[in-house]
Amino acid sequence: MIGRVILRAFPMEGGRSAWRYDVQEGVKVASLCEGLTPEEGVHMLCRVFGLCRSAHAVAARQALGLRKN
C-alpha cells in the first residue's frame, strides 16, 4: 500500500513544540494490477513507483518470472 505520514509541529510556551502525526492510507497497489497481463503489471508498477523505476522493473520481472527485455 502506498500512503503517507504527515507530521505537524504546534509551538507551545517555553519554546517547545507539540507534535502530531496523521497516517493517510493510499492506493492498494495490487488493485492497480488486477486484470493486467504480467508484462502490463510490470509497466504499471514502474509508472506508480517512478522514483526507482529501473529497480522496480527488475524486481517485478523477477517476481513474475519474466525475462528482461
N, C-alpha and C. Protein backbone atom coordinates (compact mmCIF):
# COMPACT_ATOMS: atom_id res chain seq x y z
N MET A 1 0.84 -1.17 0.00
CA MET A 1 0.00 0.00 0.00
C MET A 1 0.89 1.24 0.00
N ILE A 2 0.48 2.20 -0.75
CA ILE A 2 1.18 3.48 -0.77
C ILE A 2 0.38 4.43 0.11
N GLY A 3 1.04 5.12 0.98
CA GLY A 3 0.38 6.06 1.86
C GLY A 3 1.35 7.15 2.25
N ARG A 4 0.97 7.90 3.24
CA ARG A 4 1.89 8.94 3.71
C ARG A 4 1.62 9.26 5.16
N VAL A 5 2.64 9.79 5.79
CA VAL A 5 2.56 10.25 7.17
C VAL A 5 2.78 11.75 7.14
N ILE A 6 1.89 12.49 7.77
CA ILE A 6 2.01 13.95 7.83
C ILE A 6 2.35 14.33 9.25
N LEU A 7 3.48 15.01 9.43
CA LEU A 7 3.92 15.48 10.74
C LEU A 7 3.66 16.98 10.85
N ARG A 8 3.14 17.39 12.00
CA ARG A 8 2.89 18.81 12.24
C ARG A 8 3.44 19.17 13.62
N ALA A 9 4.04 20.34 13.69
CA ALA A 9 4.55 20.84 14.97
C ALA A 9 3.69 22.03 15.39
N PHE A 10 3.27 22.02 16.64
CA PHE A 10 2.48 23.11 17.19
C PHE A 10 3.29 23.77 18.31
N PRO A 11 3.70 25.03 18.10
CA PRO A 11 4.50 25.71 19.12
C PRO A 11 3.75 25.83 20.45
N MET A 12 4.50 25.63 21.53
CA MET A 12 3.95 25.76 22.88
C MET A 12 4.77 26.79 23.64
N GLU A 13 4.32 27.10 24.82
CA GLU A 13 5.06 28.04 25.65
C GLU A 13 6.41 27.44 26.03
N GLY A 14 7.39 28.29 26.23
CA GLY A 14 8.72 27.84 26.64
C GLY A 14 9.58 27.33 25.48
N GLY A 15 9.17 27.60 24.26
CA GLY A 15 9.98 27.21 23.10
C GLY A 15 9.85 25.77 22.67
N ARG A 16 9.00 25.02 23.33
CA ARG A 16 8.80 23.62 22.94
C ARG A 16 7.71 23.52 21.89
N SER A 17 7.64 22.36 21.27
CA SER A 17 6.59 22.11 20.29
C SER A 17 5.89 20.79 20.62
N ALA A 18 4.61 20.76 20.35
CA ALA A 18 3.85 19.52 20.44
C ALA A 18 3.75 18.97 19.01
N TRP A 19 4.00 17.69 18.87
CA TRP A 19 3.98 17.07 17.54
C TRP A 19 2.72 16.23 17.38
N ARG A 20 2.18 16.26 16.19
CA ARG A 20 1.03 15.43 15.85
C ARG A 20 1.31 14.78 14.52
N TYR A 21 0.92 13.53 14.39
CA TYR A 21 1.08 12.87 13.10
C TYR A 21 -0.23 12.24 12.66
N ASP A 22 -0.45 12.26 11.38
CA ASP A 22 -1.62 11.63 10.77
C ASP A 22 -1.13 10.65 9.72
N VAL A 23 -1.69 9.46 9.71
CA VAL A 23 -1.36 8.46 8.70
C VAL A 23 -2.53 8.40 7.72
N GLN A 24 -2.21 8.60 6.45
CA GLN A 24 -3.24 8.54 5.42
C GLN A 24 -2.99 7.32 4.54
N GLU A 25 -4.02 6.51 4.42
CA GLU A 25 -3.90 5.34 3.56
C GLU A 25 -3.92 5.77 2.11
N GLY A 26 -3.25 5.00 1.31
CA GLY A 26 -3.19 5.29 -0.11
C GLY A 26 -3.83 4.18 -0.92
N VAL A 27 -3.37 4.06 -2.12
CA VAL A 27 -3.88 3.07 -3.06
C VAL A 27 -3.31 1.70 -2.72
N LYS A 28 -4.14 0.68 -2.78
CA LYS A 28 -3.65 -0.68 -2.63
C LYS A 28 -3.06 -1.09 -3.98
N VAL A 29 -1.77 -1.25 -4.00
CA VAL A 29 -1.03 -1.46 -5.25
C VAL A 29 -1.55 -2.65 -6.04
N ALA A 30 -1.88 -3.73 -5.37
CA ALA A 30 -2.36 -4.92 -6.08
C ALA A 30 -3.61 -4.62 -6.90
N SER A 31 -4.46 -3.73 -6.41
CA SER A 31 -5.68 -3.41 -7.15
C SER A 31 -5.38 -2.70 -8.47
N LEU A 32 -4.22 -2.05 -8.56
CA LEU A 32 -3.84 -1.39 -9.81
C LEU A 32 -3.52 -2.39 -10.91
N CYS A 33 -3.14 -3.59 -10.52
CA CYS A 33 -2.70 -4.60 -11.49
C CYS A 33 -3.74 -5.66 -11.80
N GLU A 34 -4.89 -5.60 -11.17
CA GLU A 34 -5.93 -6.60 -11.42
C GLU A 34 -6.36 -6.55 -12.88
N GLY A 35 -6.41 -7.73 -13.49
CA GLY A 35 -6.85 -7.84 -14.88
C GLY A 35 -5.77 -7.58 -15.91
N LEU A 36 -4.58 -7.21 -15.49
CA LEU A 36 -3.49 -6.94 -16.42
C LEU A 36 -2.66 -8.20 -16.65
N THR A 37 -2.01 -8.25 -17.79
CA THR A 37 -1.05 -9.32 -18.02
C THR A 37 0.16 -9.05 -17.14
N PRO A 38 1.01 -10.07 -16.90
CA PRO A 38 2.20 -9.80 -16.08
C PRO A 38 3.05 -8.65 -16.62
N GLU A 39 3.25 -8.59 -17.93
CA GLU A 39 4.07 -7.51 -18.50
C GLU A 39 3.41 -6.16 -18.31
N GLU A 40 2.08 -6.10 -18.48
CA GLU A 40 1.36 -4.84 -18.25
C GLU A 40 1.46 -4.44 -16.77
N GLY A 41 1.43 -5.44 -15.88
CA GLY A 41 1.58 -5.17 -14.45
C GLY A 41 2.92 -4.55 -14.13
N VAL A 42 3.99 -5.08 -14.77
CA VAL A 42 5.33 -4.51 -14.59
C VAL A 42 5.34 -3.05 -15.02
N HIS A 43 4.76 -2.75 -16.16
CA HIS A 43 4.74 -1.36 -16.65
C HIS A 43 3.93 -0.45 -15.73
N MET A 44 2.83 -0.99 -15.19
CA MET A 44 2.01 -0.20 -14.26
C MET A 44 2.81 0.12 -13.00
N LEU A 45 3.48 -0.89 -12.43
CA LEU A 45 4.27 -0.66 -11.22
C LEU A 45 5.40 0.32 -11.47
N CYS A 46 5.99 0.28 -12.65
CA CYS A 46 7.06 1.23 -12.97
C CYS A 46 6.54 2.66 -13.03
N ARG A 47 5.31 2.83 -13.49
CA ARG A 47 4.73 4.19 -13.53
C ARG A 47 4.38 4.67 -12.13
N VAL A 48 3.87 3.78 -11.29
CA VAL A 48 3.48 4.17 -9.93
C VAL A 48 4.70 4.50 -9.09
N PHE A 49 5.73 3.66 -9.20
CA PHE A 49 6.96 3.85 -8.42
C PHE A 49 8.03 4.47 -9.30
N GLY A 50 7.76 5.65 -9.84
CA GLY A 50 8.64 6.28 -10.79
C GLY A 50 10.01 6.67 -10.25
N LEU A 51 10.15 6.83 -8.94
CA LEU A 51 11.42 7.27 -8.38
C LEU A 51 12.51 6.25 -8.62
N CYS A 52 12.19 4.98 -8.48
CA CYS A 52 13.17 3.90 -8.68
C CYS A 52 12.66 2.97 -9.77
N ARG A 53 12.30 3.53 -10.89
CA ARG A 53 11.65 2.78 -11.96
C ARG A 53 12.43 1.54 -12.38
N SER A 54 13.71 1.68 -12.59
CA SER A 54 14.52 0.55 -13.05
C SER A 54 14.56 -0.56 -12.01
N ALA A 55 14.75 -0.20 -10.75
CA ALA A 55 14.82 -1.20 -9.69
C ALA A 55 13.49 -1.93 -9.54
N HIS A 56 12.39 -1.22 -9.62
CA HIS A 56 11.08 -1.85 -9.50
C HIS A 56 10.79 -2.74 -10.70
N ALA A 57 11.23 -2.33 -11.88
CA ALA A 57 11.03 -3.15 -13.07
C ALA A 57 11.78 -4.47 -12.95
N VAL A 58 13.01 -4.42 -12.50
CA VAL A 58 13.81 -5.64 -12.32
C VAL A 58 13.16 -6.54 -11.28
N ALA A 59 12.77 -5.98 -10.15
CA ALA A 59 12.16 -6.77 -9.07
C ALA A 59 10.83 -7.39 -9.52
N ALA A 60 10.01 -6.61 -10.21
CA ALA A 60 8.72 -7.13 -10.66
C ALA A 60 8.91 -8.25 -11.69
N ARG A 61 9.83 -8.05 -12.62
CA ARG A 61 10.08 -9.09 -13.63
C ARG A 61 10.60 -10.37 -12.99
N GLN A 62 11.49 -10.24 -12.02
CA GLN A 62 11.99 -11.42 -11.32
C GLN A 62 10.89 -12.12 -10.55
N ALA A 63 10.05 -11.35 -9.87
CA ALA A 63 8.96 -11.94 -9.08
C ALA A 63 7.95 -12.65 -9.97
N LEU A 64 7.76 -12.14 -11.18
CA LEU A 64 6.77 -12.73 -12.10
C LEU A 64 7.39 -13.76 -13.04
N GLY A 65 8.70 -13.96 -12.91
CA GLY A 65 9.37 -14.95 -13.77
C GLY A 65 9.47 -14.52 -15.21
N LEU A 66 9.51 -13.22 -15.47
CA LEU A 66 9.62 -12.70 -16.84
C LEU A 66 11.08 -12.46 -17.20
N ARG A 67 11.35 -12.60 -18.49
CA ARG A 67 12.70 -12.31 -18.97
C ARG A 67 12.89 -10.81 -19.09
N LYS A 68 14.13 -10.38 -18.92
CA LYS A 68 14.47 -8.96 -19.08
C LYS A 68 14.44 -8.62 -20.56
N ASN A 69 13.84 -7.46 -20.90
CA ASN A 69 13.79 -7.02 -22.32
C ASN A 69 15.09 -6.43 -22.76
